[in-house]
């Protein structure tokens, strides 16, 4: 999944990979791995962790990881529990995904 991130008036392309068997989304930016981890019980995805190293922070990468997770949940017919603090705040700021929240 290719995603365009716009931060600080720069646009960059981020290739987000969904590693379904590992319950993880990840991308590599400037040599640093950024990730989102989740659990899946039935049709409920619980986002448990997002991580972006400080060296590549502030570029909107965590936001795009969470968005990618919500989009996969939509495609799969899953509900989402944003258990990690970043995903929880992100979901509050994106009411367009409210219908996916468990």
Protein backbone atom coordinates (compact mmCIF):
# COMPACT_ATOMS: atom_id res chain seq x y z
CA UNK A 1 0.00 0.00 0.00
CA UNK A 2 1.60 3.28 -1.09
CA UNK A 3 0.63 6.35 0.89
CA UNK A 4 1.51 10.00 0.31
CA UNK A 5 2.36 11.87 3.51
CA UNK A 6 2.29 15.65 3.63
CA UNK A 7 4.01 17.24 6.57
CA UNK A 8 5.70 20.60 6.88
CA UNK A 9 4.88 21.29 3.23
CA UNK A 10 6.83 18.25 2.05
CA UNK A 11 5.24 15.31 0.34
CA UNK A 12 6.80 11.88 0.61
CA UNK A 13 5.68 8.43 -0.44
CA UNK A 14 5.46 5.80 2.27
CA UNK A 15 5.13 2.13 1.36
CA UNK A 16 3.13 0.58 4.20
CA UNK A 17 3.21 -3.21 4.36
CA UNK A 18 0.52 -5.21 6.14
CA UNK A 19 2.15 -8.28 7.65
CA UNK A 20 -1.10 -10.04 8.47
CA UNK A 21 0.45 -13.18 9.95
CA UNK A 22 2.42 -10.99 12.39
CA UNK A 23 -0.52 -8.64 13.11
CA UNK A 24 1.63 -5.69 12.11
CA UNK A 25 1.86 -2.80 9.67
CA UNK A 26 5.26 -1.39 8.93
CA UNK A 27 7.22 0.95 6.74
CA UNK A 28 10.86 1.93 6.52
CA UNK A 29 11.75 5.61 6.26
CA UNK A 30 15.35 6.75 5.91
CA UNK A 31 16.48 3.33 7.17
CA UNK A 32 14.26 3.39 10.30
CA UNK A 33 11.43 0.89 10.79
CA UNK A 34 8.09 2.38 11.86
CA UNK A 35 5.35 0.03 13.03
CA UNK A 36 1.82 -0.48 14.21
CA UNK A 37 0.96 -3.68 16.06
CA UNK A 38 -2.48 -5.12 16.73
CA UNK A 39 -4.29 -8.16 18.02
CA UNK A 40 -7.23 -9.75 16.28
CA UNK A 41 -10.00 -11.58 18.08
CA UNK A 42 -12.82 -12.63 15.83
CA UNK A 43 -13.67 -9.50 13.88
CA UNK A 44 -12.16 -7.01 16.34
CA UNK A 45 -8.75 -5.44 15.66
CA UNK A 46 -7.18 -3.92 18.77
CA UNK A 47 -4.37 -1.50 17.97
CA UNK A 48 -1.85 -2.04 20.77
CA UNK A 49 1.21 -0.06 19.67
CA UNK A 50 2.42 2.51 17.19
CA UNK A 51 6.08 3.35 16.99
CA UNK A 52 8.01 5.87 14.93
CA UNK A 53 11.65 6.54 15.82
CA UNK A 54 12.35 10.16 16.74
CA UNK A 55 14.79 10.43 13.84
CA UNK A 56 11.85 10.29 11.40
CA UNK A 57 9.10 11.64 13.64
CA UNK A 58 6.91 14.61 12.81
CA UNK A 59 6.27 13.53 9.22
CA UNK A 60 2.80 12.05 9.64
CA UNK A 61 4.03 8.46 9.48
CA UNK A 62 2.18 7.23 12.58
CA UNK A 63 -1.00 8.80 11.26
CA UNK A 64 -0.67 6.93 7.98
CA UNK A 65 0.01 3.65 9.78
CA UNK A 66 -3.20 4.07 11.79
CA UNK A 67 -5.13 5.09 8.68
CA UNK A 68 -3.85 1.98 6.86
CA UNK A 69 -5.00 -0.21 9.77
CA UNK A 70 -8.48 1.34 9.71
CA UNK A 71 -8.70 0.89 5.95
CA UNK A 72 -7.81 -2.81 6.21
CA UNK A 73 -10.39 -3.16 9.00
CA UNK A 74 -12.99 -1.58 6.70
CA UNK A 75 -12.09 -3.95 3.85
CA UNK A 76 -12.23 -7.00 6.14
CA UNK A 77 -15.44 -6.01 7.93
CA UNK A 78 -13.65 -5.66 11.29
CA UNK A 79 -14.29 -3.26 14.16
CA UNK A 80 -11.37 -1.40 15.76
CA UNK A 81 -10.38 -0.77 19.37
CA UNK A 82 -7.70 1.94 19.46
CA UNK A 83 -6.00 0.78 22.69
CA UNK A 84 -2.70 2.61 22.28
CA UNK A 85 -2.75 6.31 23.18
CA UNK A 86 -1.73 7.55 19.72
CA UNK A 87 -4.38 5.49 17.91
CA UNK A 88 -7.01 6.61 20.44
CA UNK A 89 -6.28 10.32 19.88
CA UNK A 90 -6.06 9.78 16.12
CA UNK A 91 -9.48 8.10 16.04
CA UNK A 92 -11.01 11.00 18.01
CA UNK A 93 -9.63 13.42 15.40
CA UNK A 94 -10.95 11.39 12.45
CA UNK A 95 -14.72 11.06 12.83
CA UNK A 96 -14.94 9.62 9.31
CA UNK A 97 -13.80 6.31 10.89
CA UNK A 98 -16.21 6.42 13.86
CA UNK A 99 -18.37 3.68 12.34
CA UNK A 100 -15.46 1.23 12.57
CA UNK A 101 -14.87 1.66 16.30
CA UNK A 102 -15.91 -1.23 18.50
